[in-house]
Amino acid sequence: MSSTFDPGPAEHPEDPASSLRPRGQDQRRRDTGLGGQQAGTRAHGLGPVAEDSRRGPLDAARLVVLARAAGLGATVVEEIDSTNAALVRAGRGEAGEPALRELARAWRLGGDGTEVADRGHVLVAERQTAGRGRLDRAWVSRPGAGLTVSLLLRLPVPPARLGWLPLVVGMALASTVRSVAGLPATLKWPNDVLVDGAKLAGVLVELVPIPPADPSVVIGFGLNVHAERDELPERSTSLRLCDADPRALDRTALLGSILGTLVTSLDAWAADPERARDAYLELCGTIGRQVRVELPDGTAELGTATDVDSTGRLVVDGRAYSAGDIIHLR
């Protein structure tokens, strides 16, 4: 299959897939495969990012410039409970983190509280203590080990098409890893980014259904950059462990590239969803594989994954699955 849907590297840098859901839905808790161990919660807010002897802090001022190039406002915090939860609160207009109070006020008025009001806002945390991923898996992070990022956006697409949003986000991440890090990244349905079968990044997308006529979305992702083997769950990896191009180990520049590619990918998907679907299928390593589908009710089914349909569901032996954990079988 060929496709001309290719956002390329950035110059600057209803839920069929069960990665998109209203806030508050209960699901199983597991490990996301992203680096870090559970840490104690403490007060969070805008503040200096702690130094690390092996991996320096994000350059907040530089990141604001890179985000602005992608049409986004940006906030960098040292520690937070969950970047997704914080932006969901802001999207609802709820008072919360001091660093996000102006965003919460302005978002309901159509802006983000900065000069950049057309796209949305990105929140980056060096340490996340109570995050979660797909299927409600625990998602915590250590300072300097990777990227823990969420974006609050309004998208010009009909709600019926939002089932594909998590897949498009995963595609943008994989495309950036391929172009910047020089690694053969692929996708496991719906949006896990893999390198040689090990998990490098994951995505969680949530709806903010307030007001109902103009819902927002929060896109969260984590990507392992500097994490060492003893910091990662089994079957996970990091850019450092994969011997990525050294350019990709600059977390600030890497995030700038991801944001630019993500915005471009979202625009391309909004304009031509079929071309975006073709591009996703080219990157999806699940297609053509023997898989085990572990369903939310605890049962499992085996088969060959053959397609992803127009609503984002995985097709296995003619049956479409909207939820479940996919295990690639050898």
C-alpha atoms as a PDB file:
ATOM      1  CA  MET A   1       0.000   0.000   0.000  1.00  0.00           C
ATOM      2  CA  SER A   2       1.357   3.417  -0.880  1.00  0.00           C
ATOM      3  CA  SER A   3       0.451   6.765   0.546  1.00  0.00           C
ATOM      4  CA  THR A   4       1.388  10.385   0.044  1.00  0.00           C
ATOM      5  CA  PHE A   5       0.199  11.425   3.502  1.00  0.00           C
ATOM      6  CA  ASP A   6       3.508  12.477   5.019  1.00  0.00           C
ATOM      7  CA  PRO A   7       3.703  15.383   7.436  1.00  0.00           C
ATOM      8  CA  GLY A   8       7.469  14.997   7.562  1.00  0.00           C
ATOM      9  CA  PRO A   9       9.654  16.338  10.334  1.00  0.00           C
ATOM     10  CA  ALA A  10       8.611  19.691  11.709  1.00  0.00           C
ATOM     11  CA  GLU A  11      10.505  22.709  10.505  1.00  0.00           C
ATOM     12  CA  HIS A  12      10.086  23.730  14.095  1.00  0.00           C
ATOM     13  CA  PRO A  13       9.887  21.546  15.772  1.00  0.00           C
ATOM     14  CA  GLU A  14     -17.398   8.261  20.603  1.00  0.00           C
ATOM     15  CA  ASP A  15     -14.262   6.098  21.050  1.00  0.00           C
ATOM     16  CA  PRO A  16     -13.705   3.098  18.829  1.00  0.00           C
ATOM     17  CA  ALA A  17     -10.112   2.545  19.959  1.00  0.00           C
ATOM     18  CA  SER A  18     -10.783   3.044  23.680  1.00  0.00           C
ATOM     19  CA  SER A  19      -7.989   5.607  23.856  1.00  0.00           C
ATOM     20  CA  LEU A  20     -10.495   8.456  23.729  1.00  0.00           C
ATOM     21  CA  ARG A  21     -12.957   8.702  26.577  1.00  0.00           C
ATOM     22  CA  PRO A  22     -14.764  11.134  28.827  1.00  0.00           C
ATOM     23  CA  ARG A  23     -12.905  11.828  32.038  1.00  0.00           C
ATOM     24  CA  GLY A  24     -13.869   9.562  34.929  1.00  0.00           C
ATOM     25  CA  GLN A  25     -14.572   6.257  33.159  1.00  0.00           C
ATOM     26  CA  ASP A  26     -13.302   3.339  35.258  1.00  0.00           C
ATOM     27  CA  GLN A  27     -10.949   0.872  33.608  1.00  0.00           C
ATOM     28  CA  ARG A  28      -8.271  -1.619  34.657  1.00  0.00           C
ATOM     29  CA  ARG A  29      -4.984  -0.387  36.139  1.00  0.00           C
ATOM     30  CA  ARG A  30      -1.710  -1.742  34.768  1.00  0.00           C
ATOM     31  CA  ASP A  31       1.736  -0.488  33.914  1.00  0.00           C
ATOM     32  CA  THR A  32       1.940   1.710  30.826  1.00  0.00           C
ATOM     33  CA  GLY A  33       5.393   0.519  29.832  1.00  0.00           C
ATOM     34  CA  LEU A  34       6.695   4.045  30.257  1.00  0.00           C
ATOM     35  CA  GLY A  35       9.612   4.706  32.553  1.00  0.00           C
ATOM     36  CA  GLY A  36       9.451   5.550  36.230  1.00  0.00           C
ATOM     37  CA  GLN A  37       8.351   4.237  39.588  1.00  0.00           C
ATOM     38  CA  GLN A  38       5.557   5.352  41.884  1.00  0.00           C
ATOM     39  CA  ALA A  39       6.519   8.463  43.834  1.00  0.00           C
ATOM     40  CA  GLY A  40       4.921  10.468  46.611  1.00  0.00           C
ATOM     41  CA  THR A  41       2.679  13.366  45.673  1.00  0.00           C
ATOM     42  CA  ARG A  42       3.628  16.886  46.605  1.00  0.00           C
ATOM     43  CA  ALA A  43       2.480  20.395  45.788  1.00  0.00           C
ATOM     44  CA  HIS A  44       2.792  21.162  42.124  1.00  0.00           C
ATOM     45  CA  GLY A  45       3.005  24.281  40.022  1.00  0.00           C
ATOM     46  CA  LEU A  46       5.341  26.313  37.904  1.00  0.00           C
ATOM     47  CA  GLY A  47       8.870  26.162  39.219  1.00  0.00           C
ATOM     48  CA  PRO A  48      12.489  25.398  38.381  1.00  0.00           C
ATOM     49  CA  VAL A  49      13.172  21.992  36.882  1.00  0.00           C
ATOM     50  CA  ALA A  50      15.545  19.906  38.984  1.00  0.00           C
ATOM     51  CA  GLU A  51      18.972  19.142  37.566  1.00  0.00           C
ATOM     52  CA  ASP A  52      20.032  15.551  36.975  1.00  0.00           C
ATOM     53  CA  SER A  53      23.656  14.464  36.759  1.00  0.00           C
ATOM     54  CA  ARG A  54      23.018  12.370  33.645  1.00  0.00           C
ATOM     55  CA  ARG A  55      20.256  14.281  31.935  1.00  0.00           C
ATOM     56  CA  GLY A  56      19.664  17.985  32.134  1.00  0.00           C
ATOM     57  CA  PRO A  57      16.324  19.700  32.607  1.00  0.00           C
ATOM     58  CA  LEU A  58      14.072  20.875  29.833  1.00  0.00           C
ATOM     59  CA  ASP A  59      14.806  24.383  28.588  1.00  0.00           C
ATOM     60  CA  ALA A  60      11.455  25.988  29.409  1.00  0.00           C
ATOM     61  CA  ALA A  61      12.131  29.287  27.628  1.00  0.00           C
ATOM     62  CA  ARG A  62      13.267  27.512  24.469  1.00  0.00           C
ATOM     63  CA  LEU A  63      10.293  25.172  24.606  1.00  0.00           C
ATOM     64  CA  VAL A  64       7.870  28.102  24.759  1.00  0.00           C
ATOM     65  CA  VAL A  65       9.407  29.414  21.520  1.00  0.00           C
ATOM     66  CA  LEU A  66       9.185  25.997  19.834  1.00  0.00           C
ATOM     67  CA  ALA A  67       5.577  25.543  20.925  1.00  0.00           C
ATOM     68  CA  ARG A  68       4.711  28.987  19.636  1.00  0.00           C
ATOM     69  CA  ALA A  69       6.091  27.976  16.221  1.00  0.00           C
ATOM     70  CA  ALA A  70       3.498  25.168  16.229  1.00  0.00           C
ATOM     71  CA  GLY A  71       0.721  27.597  17.226  1.00  0.00           C
ATOM     72  CA  LEU A  72       0.612  26.509  20.858  1.00  0.00           C
ATOM     73  CA  GLY A  73       1.020  28.116  24.239  1.00  0.00           C
ATOM     74  CA  ALA A  74       3.208  26.193  26.697  1.00  0.00           C
ATOM     75  CA  THR A  75       3.680  25.659  30.426  1.00  0.00           C
ATOM     76  CA  VAL A  76       6.509  23.649  32.019  1.00  0.00           C
ATOM     77  CA  VAL A  77       6.187  22.396  35.605  1.00  0.00           C
ATOM     78  CA  GLU A  78       8.572  20.516  37.835  1.00  0.00           C
ATOM     79  CA  GLU A  79       6.049  18.064  39.281  1.00  0.00           C
ATOM     80  CA  ILE A  80       2.344  17.349  38.933  1.00  0.00           C
ATOM     81  CA  ASP A  81      -0.124  14.588  39.675  1.00  0.00           C
ATOM     82  CA  SER A  82      -1.156  14.125  36.040  1.00  0.00           C
ATOM     83  CA  THR A  83      -0.668  16.378  33.036  1.00  0.00           C
ATOM     84  CA  ASN A  84      -3.851  15.033  31.456  1.00  0.00           C
ATOM     85  CA  ALA A  85      -5.924  15.547  34.601  1.00  0.00           C
ATOM     86  CA  ALA A  86      -4.605  19.087  35.016  1.00  0.00           C
ATOM     87  CA  LEU A  87      -5.569  20.048  31.462  1.00  0.00           C
ATOM     88  CA  VAL A  88      -8.973  18.380  31.769  1.00  0.00           C
ATOM     89  CA  ARG A  89      -9.574  20.593  34.797  1.00  0.00           C
ATOM     90  CA  ALA A  90      -8.376  23.642  32.879  1.00  0.00           C
ATOM     91  CA  GLY A  91     -10.577  22.738  29.907  1.00  0.00           C
ATOM     92  CA  ARG A  92     -13.578  22.693  32.230  1.00  0.00           C
ATOM     93  CA  GLY A  93     -12.640  26.121  33.515  1.00  0.00           C
ATOM     94  CA  GLU A  94     -11.934  24.779  37.000  1.00  0.00           C
ATOM     95  CA  ALA A  95      -9.447  26.507  39.283  1.00  0.00           C
ATOM     96  CA  GLY A  96      -6.506  24.238  39.915  1.00  0.00           C
ATOM     97  CA  GLU A  97      -2.771  24.524  39.453  1.00  0.00           C
ATOM     98  CA  PRO A  98      -1.563  28.123  39.866  1.00  0.00           C
ATOM     99  CA  ALA A  99       0.408  27.863  36.629  1.00  0.00           C
ATOM    100  CA  LEU A 100      -2.783  26.997  34.706  1.00  0.00           C
ATOM    101  CA  ARG A 101      -5.354  29.337  36.251  1.00  0.00           C
ATOM    102  CA  GLU A 102      -5.143  31.884  33.456  1.00  0.00           C
ATOM    103  CA  LEU A 103      -5.493  29.076  30.913  1.00  0.00           C
ATOM    104  CA  ALA A 104      -8.606  27.771  32.712  1.00  0.00           C
ATOM    105  CA  ARG A 105     -10.160  31.231  32.666  1.00  0.00           C
ATOM    106  CA  ALA A 106      -9.277  32.023  29.071  1.00  0.00           C
ATOM    107  CA  TRP A 107     -10.103  28.629  27.536  1.00  0.00           C
ATOM    108  CA  ARG A 108     -13.819  29.074  28.099  1.00  0.00           C
ATOM    109  CA  LEU A 109     -13.540  32.397  26.263  1.00  0.00           C
ATOM    110  CA  GLY A 110     -11.891  30.852  23.215  1.00  0.00           C
ATOM    111  CA  GLY A 111      -8.223  31.419  23.997  1.00  0.00           C
ATOM    112  CA  ASP A 112      -5.439  30.029  26.138  1.00  0.00           C
ATOM    113  CA  GLY A 113      -4.393  33.131  28.056  1.00  0.00           C
ATOM    114  CA  THR A 114      -1.354  33.824  25.883  1.00  0.00           C
ATOM    115  CA  GLU A 115      -0.834  35.530  22.554  1.00  0.00           C
ATOM    116  CA  VAL A 116      -1.274  32.106  20.938  1.00  0.00           C
ATOM    117  CA  ALA A 117      -5.005  31.426  20.983  1.00  0.00           C
ATOM    118  CA  ASP A 118      -5.693  29.590  17.728  1.00  0.00           C
ATOM    119  CA  ARG A 119      -4.393  26.094  18.489  1.00  0.00           C
ATOM    120  CA  GLY A 120      -4.285  25.263  22.157  1.00  0.00           C
ATOM    121  CA  HIS A 121      -1.875  24.744  25.024  1.00  0.00           C
ATOM    122  CA  VAL A 122       0.804  22.200  25.915  1.00  0.00           C
ATOM    123  CA  LEU A 123       1.692  21.207  29.488  1.00  0.00           C
ATOM    124  CA  VAL A 124       5.010  19.470  30.173  1.00  0.00           C
ATOM    125  CA  ALA A 125       6.075  17.968  33.506  1.00  0.00           C
ATOM    126  CA  GLU A 126       9.478  16.677  34.549  1.00  0.00           C
ATOM    127  CA  ARG A 127       7.873  14.393  37.118  1.00  0.00           C
ATOM    128  CA  GLN A 128       4.372  12.898  37.091  1.00  0.00           C
ATOM    129  CA  THR A 129       3.200  11.083  40.213  1.00  0.00           C
ATOM    130  CA  ALA A 130      -0.345   9.872  39.523  1.00  0.00           C
ATOM    131  CA  GLY A 131      -0.831   9.685  35.781  1.00  0.00           C
ATOM    132  CA  ARG A 132      -2.508   6.911  33.864  1.00  0.00           C
ATOM    133  CA  GLY A 133      -2.578   5.564  30.350  1.00  0.00           C
ATOM    134  CA  ARG A 134      -4.849   3.397  28.240  1.00  0.00           C
ATOM    135  CA  LEU A 135      -6.929   0.857  30.171  1.00  0.00           C
ATOM    136  CA  ASP A 136      -6.189   2.968  33.270  1.00  0.00           C
ATOM    137  CA  ARG A 137      -2.595   1.762  33.541  1.00  0.00           C
ATOM    138  CA  ALA A 138      -0.300   3.563  35.962  1.00  0.00           C
ATOM    139  CA  TRP A 139       1.827   6.230  34.277  1.00  0.00           C
ATOM    140  CA  VAL A 140       4.534   7.827  36.408  1.00  0.00           C
ATOM    141  CA  SER A 141       7.800   9.427  35.348  1.00  0.00           C
ATOM    142  CA  ARG A 142      11.231  10.310  36.689  1.00  0.00           C
ATOM    143  CA  PRO A 143      12.891  13.676  36.094  1.00  0.00           C
ATOM    144  CA  GLY A 144      14.913  13.788  32.904  1.00  0.00           C
ATOM    145  CA  ALA A 145      14.073  10.228  31.866  1.00  0.00           C
ATOM    146  CA  GLY A 146      11.634  11.080  29.106  1.00  0.00           C
ATOM    147  CA  LEU A 147       8.839  13.345  27.971  1.00  0.00           C
ATOM    148  CA  THR A 148       5.541  13.606  29.856  1.00  0.00           C
ATOM    149  CA  VAL A 149       3.283  15.881  27.845  1.00  0.00           C
ATOM    150  CA  SER A 150      -0.386  16.796  27.419  1.00  0.00           C
ATOM    151  CA  LEU A 151      -2.099  19.174  25.007  1.00  0.00           C
ATOM    152  CA  LEU A 152      -5.481  20.884  25.345  1.00  0.00           C
ATOM    153  CA  LEU A 153      -6.970  21.437  21.887  1.00  0.00           C
ATOM    154  CA  ARG A 154     -10.115  22.201  19.955  1.00  0.00           C
ATOM    155  CA  LEU A 155     -10.246  20.257  16.705  1.00  0.00           C
ATOM    156  CA  PRO A 156     -12.208  21.183  13.566  1.00  0.00           C
ATOM    157  CA  VAL A 157     -13.528  17.650  13.005  1.00  0.00           C
ATOM    158  CA  PRO A 158     -16.993  16.154  13.602  1.00  0.00           C
ATOM    159  CA  PRO A 159     -17.333  14.192  16.869  1.00  0.00           C
ATOM    160  CA  ALA A 160     -18.071  11.027  14.875  1.00  0.00           C
ATOM    161  CA  ARG A 161     -14.501  11.096  13.534  1.00  0.00           C
ATOM    162  CA  LEU A 162     -12.742  11.460  16.883  1.00  0.00           C
ATOM    163  CA  GLY A 163     -12.246   7.702  17.211  1.00  0.00           C
ATOM    164  CA  TRP A 164      -9.290   8.080  14.865  1.00  0.00           C
ATOM    165  CA  LEU A 165      -7.650  10.856  16.877  1.00  0.00           C
ATOM    166  CA  PRO A 166      -5.572   8.586  19.178  1.00  0.00           C
ATOM    167  CA  LEU A 167      -4.291   6.699  16.139  1.00  0.00           C
ATOM    168  CA  VAL A 168      -3.238   9.897  14.377  1.00  0.00           C
ATOM    169  CA  VAL A 169      -1.356  11.013  17.500  1.00  0.00           C
ATOM    170  CA  GLY A 170       0.498   7.699  17.643  1.00  0.00           C
ATOM    171  CA  MET A 171       1.346   8.044  13.967  1.00  0.00           C
ATOM    172  CA  ALA A 172       2.815  11.515  14.545  1.00  0.00           C
ATOM    173  CA  LEU A 173       4.982  10.196  17.384  1.00  0.00           C
ATOM    174  CA  ALA A 174       6.228   7.244  15.344  1.00  0.00           C
ATOM    175  CA  SER A 175       6.943   9.479  12.346  1.00  0.00           C
ATOM    176  CA  THR A 176       9.010  11.839  14.502  1.00  0.00           C
ATOM    177  CA  VAL A 177      10.991   8.972  16.027  1.00  0.00           C
ATOM    178  CA  ARG A 178      11.761   7.684  12.543  1.00  0.00           C
ATOM    179  CA  SER A 179      12.777  11.063  11.121  1.00  0.00           C
ATOM    180  CA  VAL A 180      14.638  12.558  14.101  1.00  0.00           C
ATOM    181  CA  ALA A 181      15.960   9.513  15.963  1.00  0.00           C
ATOM    182  CA  GLY A 182      16.583   7.396  12.864  1.00  0.00           C
ATOM    183  CA  LEU A 183      14.868   4.357  14.380  1.00  0.00           C
ATOM    184  CA  PRO A 184      12.441   1.931  12.658  1.00  0.00           C
ATOM    185  CA  ALA A 185       9.476   2.814  14.861  1.00  0.00           C
ATOM    186  CA  THR A 186       6.176   1.037  14.255  1.00  0.00           C
ATOM    187  CA  LEU A 187       2.751   1.134  15.889  1.00  0.00           C
ATOM    188  CA  LYS A 188       0.876  -1.487  17.854  1.00  0.00           C
ATOM    189  CA  TRP A 189      -2.846  -0.808  17.581  1.00  0.00           C
ATOM    190  CA  PRO A 190      -4.073   1.615  18.546  1.00  0.00           C
ATOM    191  CA  ASN A 191      -1.122   3.881  19.341  1.00  0.00           C
ATOM    192  CA  ASP A 192       1.781   2.255  21.208  1.00  0.00           C
ATOM    193  CA  VAL A 193       5.072   3.229  19.558  1.00  0.00           C
ATOM    194  CA  LEU A 194       7.431   0.239  19.330  1.00  0.00           C
ATOM    195  CA  VAL A 195      11.053  -0.214  18.317  1.00  0.00           C
ATOM    196  CA  ASP A 196      12.069  -3.826  17.682  1.00  0.00           C
ATOM    197  CA  GLY A 197       8.970  -4.962  19.561  1.00  0.00           C
ATOM    198  CA  ALA A 198       9.678  -2.944  22.729  1.00  0.00           C
ATOM    199  CA  LYS A 199       7.460  -0.069  23.839  1.00  0.00           C
ATOM    200  CA  LEU A 200       8.954   3.397  23.445  1.00  0.00           C
ATOM    201  CA  ALA A 201       5.901   5.658  23.780  1.00  0.00           C
ATOM    202  CA  GLY A 202       2.200   5.592  24.598  1.00  0.00           C
ATOM    203  CA  VAL A 203      -0.817   7.850  24.169  1.00  0.00           C
ATOM    204  CA  LEU A 204      -4.023   8.661  26.046  1.00  0.00           C
ATOM    205  CA  VAL A 205      -6.681  10.996  24.611  1.00  0.00           C
ATOM    206  CA  GLU A 206      -9.611  12.281  26.685  1.00  0.00           C
ATOM    207  CA  LEU A 207     -12.713  14.293  25.882  1.00  0.00           C
ATOM    208  CA  VAL A 208     -13.577  17.436  27.812  1.00  0.00           C
ATOM    209  CA  PRO A 209     -17.343  17.534  27.066  1.00  0.00           C
ATOM    210  CA  ILE A 210     -17.928  21.021  28.499  1.00  0.00           C
ATOM    211  CA  PRO A 211     -19.601  22.813  26.858  1.00  0.00           C
ATOM    212  CA  PRO A 212     -21.292  20.015  24.865  1.00  0.00           C
ATOM    213  CA  ALA A 213     -21.553  22.147  21.738  1.00  0.00           C
ATOM    214  CA  ASP A 214     -17.813  22.822  21.665  1.00  0.00           C
ATOM    215  CA  PRO A 215     -15.951  19.922  23.302  1.00  0.00           C
ATOM    216  CA  SER A 216     -12.196  20.021  23.721  1.00  0.00           C
ATOM    217  CA  VAL A 217      -9.738  17.137  23.759  1.00  0.00           C
ATOM    218  CA  VAL A 218      -6.705  16.472  25.902  1.00  0.00           C
ATOM    219  CA  ILE A 219      -3.936  14.530  24.186  1.00  0.00           C
ATOM    220  CA  GLY A 220      -1.409  12.980  26.548  1.00  0.00           C
ATOM    221  CA  PHE A 221       1.731  11.100  25.620  1.00  0.00           C
ATOM    222  CA  GLY A 222       4.854   9.764  27.268  1.00  0.00           C
ATOM    223  CA  LEU A 223       8.087   8.905  25.488  1.00  0.00           C
ATOM    224  CA  ASN A 224      11.137   7.226  27.031  1.00  0.00           C
ATOM    225  CA  VAL A 225      14.285   9.172  26.131  1.00  0.00           C
ATOM    226  CA  HIS A 226      17.111   8.669  28.654  1.00  0.00           C
ATOM    227  CA  ALA A 227      15.593   5.902  30.791  1.00  0.00           C
ATOM    228  CA  GLU A 228      17.966   3.055  31.612  1.00  0.00           C
ATOM    229  CA  ARG A 229      17.060  -0.623  31.638  1.00  0.00           C
ATOM    230  CA  ASP A 230      16.495  -0.761  35.404  1.00  0.00           C
ATOM    231  CA  GLU A 231      14.041   2.157  35.200  1.00  0.00           C
ATOM    232  CA  LEU A 232      11.777   0.470  32.661  1.00  0.00           C
ATOM    233  CA  PRO A 233       9.208  -2.321  32.758  1.00  0.00           C
ATOM    234  CA  GLU A 234       9.837  -5.465  30.749  1.00  0.00           C
ATOM    235  CA  ARG A 235       9.364  -5.165  26.988  1.00  0.00           C
ATOM    236  CA  SER A 236       9.992  -1.408  27.103  1.00  0.00           C
ATOM    237  CA  THR A 237      12.868   0.652  25.758  1.00  0.00           C
ATOM    238  CA  SER A 238      14.178   4.206  25.421  1.00  0.00           C
ATOM    239  CA  LEU A 239      15.834   6.263  22.716  1.00  0.00           C
ATOM    240  CA  ARG A 240      19.159   5.986  24.553  1.00  0.00           C
ATOM    241  CA  LEU A 241      18.922   2.197  24.779  1.00  0.00           C
ATOM    242  CA  CYS A 242      18.081   2.046  21.062  1.00  0.00           C
ATOM    243  CA  ASP A 243      21.213   4.056  20.135  1.00  0.00           C
ATOM    244  CA  ALA A 244      19.110   6.816  18.634  1.00  0.00           C
ATOM    245  CA  ASP A 245      20.627   9.684  16.702  1.00  0.00           C
ATOM    246  CA  PRO A 246      22.151  11.991  19.366  1.00  0.00           C
ATOM    247  CA  ARG A 247      19.922  14.836  18.163  1.00  0.00           C
ATOM    248  CA  ALA A 248      16.926  12.961  19.538  1.00  0.00           C
ATOM    249  CA  LEU A 249      18.404  12.935  23.058  1.00  0.00           C
ATOM    250  CA  ASP A 250      17.906  16.695  23.352  1.00  0.00           C
ATOM    251  CA  ARG A 251      14.467  16.471  24.925  1.00  0.00           C
ATOM    252  CA  THR A 252      13.583  20.110  24.305  1.00  0.00           C
ATOM    253  CA  ALA A 253      14.373  19.971  20.589  1.00  0.00           C
ATOM    254  CA  LEU A 254      12.720  16.557  20.280  1.00  0.00           C
ATOM    255  CA  LEU A 255       9.496  17.833  21.821  1.00  0.00           C
ATOM    256  CA  GLY A 256       9.536  20.820  19.481  1.00  0.00           C
ATOM    257  CA  SER A 257       9.742  18.424  16.536  1.00  0.00           C
ATOM    258  CA  ILE A 258       6.934  16.273  17.934  1.00  0.00           C
ATOM    259  CA  LEU A 259       4.636  19.267  18.417  1.00  0.00           C
ATOM    260  CA  GLY A 260       5.235  20.530  14.888  1.00  0.00           C
ATOM    261  CA  THR A 261       4.666  17.102  13.351  1.00  0.00           C
ATOM    262  CA  LEU A 262       1.572  16.515  15.486  1.00  0.00           C
ATOM    263  CA  VAL A 263      -0.070  19.783  14.435  1.00  0.00           C
ATOM    264  CA  THR A 264       0.724  19.073  10.779  1.00  0.00           C
ATOM    265  CA  SER A 265      -0.611  15.511  11.080  1.00  0.00           C
ATOM    266  CA  LEU A 266      -3.852  16.673  12.697  1.00  0.00           C
ATOM    267  CA  ASP A 267      -4.399  19.188   9.895  1.00  0.00           C
ATOM    268  CA  ALA A 268      -3.733  16.548   7.240  1.00  0.00           C
ATOM    269  CA  TRP A 269      -6.108  14.090   8.924  1.00  0.00           C
ATOM    270  CA  ALA A 270      -8.839  16.721   9.159  1.00  0.00           C
ATOM    271  CA  ALA A 271      -8.453  17.447   5.439  1.00  0.00           C
ATOM    272  CA  ASP A 272      -8.167  13.856   4.154  1.00  0.00           C
ATOM    273  CA  PRO A 273      -9.034  11.067   6.620  1.00  0.00           C
ATOM    274  CA  GLU A 274      -8.640   8.276   4.059  1.00  0.00           C
ATOM    275  CA  ARG A 275      -5.082   9.280   3.246  1.00  0.00           C
ATOM    276  CA  ALA A 276      -4.347   9.432   6.971  1.00  0.00           C
ATOM    277  CA  ARG A 277      -5.766   5.926   7.365  1.00  0.00           C
ATOM    278  CA  ASP A 278      -3.517   4.613   4.587  1.00  0.00           C
ATOM    279  CA  ALA A 279      -0.481   6.196   6.242  1.00  0.00           C
ATOM    280  CA  TYR A 280      -1.403   4.679   9.601  1.00  0.00           C
ATOM    281  CA  LEU A 281      -1.722   1.204   8.100  1.00  0.00           C
ATOM    282  CA  GLU A 282       1.774   1.517   6.644  1.00  0.00           C
ATOM    283  CA  LEU A 283       3.212   2.158  10.113  1.00  0.00           C
ATOM    284  CA  CYS A 284       1.024  -0.302  12.022  1.00  0.00           C
ATOM    285  CA  GLY A 285       2.948  -3.483  12.791  1.00  0.00           C
ATOM    286  CA  THR A 286      -0.221  -5.160  14.065  1.00  0.00           C
ATOM    287  CA  ILE A 287      -1.654  -5.584  10.566  1.00  0.00           C
ATOM    288  CA  GLY A 288      -0.925  -9.030   9.161  1.00  0.00           C
ATOM    289  CA  ARG A 289       0.153 -10.379  12.565  1.00  0.00           C
ATOM    290  CA  GLN A 290      -1.242 -13.204  14.612  1.00  0.00           C
ATOM    291  CA  VAL A 291      -2.593 -11.521  17.729  1.00  0.00           C
ATOM    292  CA  ARG A 292      -4.304 -12.255  21.008  1.00  0.00           C
ATOM    293  CA  VAL A 293      -7.054  -9.791  21.881  1.00  0.00           C
ATOM    294  CA  GLU A 294      -7.432  -9.517  25.659  1.00  0.00           C
ATOM    295  CA  LEU A 295     -10.924  -8.125  26.181  1.00  0.00           C
ATOM    296  CA  PRO A 296     -12.138  -5.933  29.059  1.00  0.00           C
ATOM    297  CA  ASP A 297     -14.301  -8.781  30.415  1.00  0.00           C
ATOM    298  CA  GLY A 298     -11.198 -10.925  30.978  1.00  0.00           C
ATOM    299  CA  THR A 299     -11.638 -13.222  27.976  1.00  0.00           C
ATOM    300  CA  ALA A 300      -9.212 -13.472  25.072  1.00  0.00           C
ATOM    301  CA  GLU A 301      -9.499 -14.320  21.398  1.00  0.00           C
ATOM    302  CA  LEU A 302      -6.882 -15.292  18.815  1.00  0.00           C
ATOM    303  CA  GLY A 303      -6.710 -14.400  15.147  1.00  0.00           C
ATOM    304  CA  THR A 304      -4.998 -12.468  12.373  1.00  0.00           C
ATOM    305  CA  ALA A 305      -5.265  -8.678  12.344  1.00  0.00           C
ATOM    306  CA  THR A 306      -6.201  -7.588   8.837  1.00  0.00           C
ATOM    307  CA  ASP A 307      -7.362  -3.969   8.936  1.00  0.00           C
ATOM    308  CA  VAL A 308      -8.376  -0.883  10.904  1.00  0.00           C
ATOM    309  CA  ASP A 309     -11.836   0.314   9.935  1.00  0.00           C
ATOM    310  CA  SER A 310     -13.147   3.823   9.343  1.00  0.00           C
ATOM    311  CA  THR A 311     -13.975   4.276  13.037  1.00  0.00           C
ATOM    312  CA  GLY A 312     -10.564   3.133  14.295  1.00  0.00           C
ATOM    313  CA  ARG A 313     -11.520  -0.417  15.292  1.00  0.00           C
ATOM    314  CA  LEU A 314      -9.063  -3.272  14.769  1.00  0.00           C
ATOM    315  CA  VAL A 315     -10.378  -5.996  12.455  1.00  0.00           C
ATOM    316  CA  VAL A 316      -9.296  -9.522  13.424  1.00  0.00           C
ATOM    317  CA  ASP A 317     -10.575 -12.416  11.305  1.00  0.00           C
ATOM    318  CA  GLY A 318     -13.518 -10.310  10.158  1.00  0.00           C
ATOM    319  CA  ARG A 319     -14.517  -9.117  13.620  1.00  0.00           C
ATOM    320  CA  ALA A 320     -13.993  -5.483  14.670  1.00  0.00           C
ATOM    321  CA  TYR A 321     -12.699  -4.743  18.173  1.00  0.00           C
ATOM    322  CA  SER A 322     -13.180  -1.349  19.757  1.00  0.00           C
ATOM    323  CA  ALA A 323     -11.421  -2.133  23.045  1.00  0.00           C
ATOM    324  CA  GLY A 324      -8.872  -4.535  24.410  1.00  0.00           C
ATOM    325  CA  ASP A 325      -5.174  -5.152  24.834  1.00  0.00           C
ATOM    326  CA  ILE A 326      -3.428  -6.496  21.749  1.00  0.00           C
ATOM    327  CA  ILE A 327      -0.603  -9.002  22.137  1.00  0.00           C
ATOM    328  CA  HIS A 328       1.560  -9.657  19.081  1.00  0.00           C
ATOM    329  CA  LEU A 329       2.236 -13.391  18.764  1.00  0.00           C
ATOM    330  CA  ARG A 330       5.324 -14.818  17.135  1.00  0.00           C
END
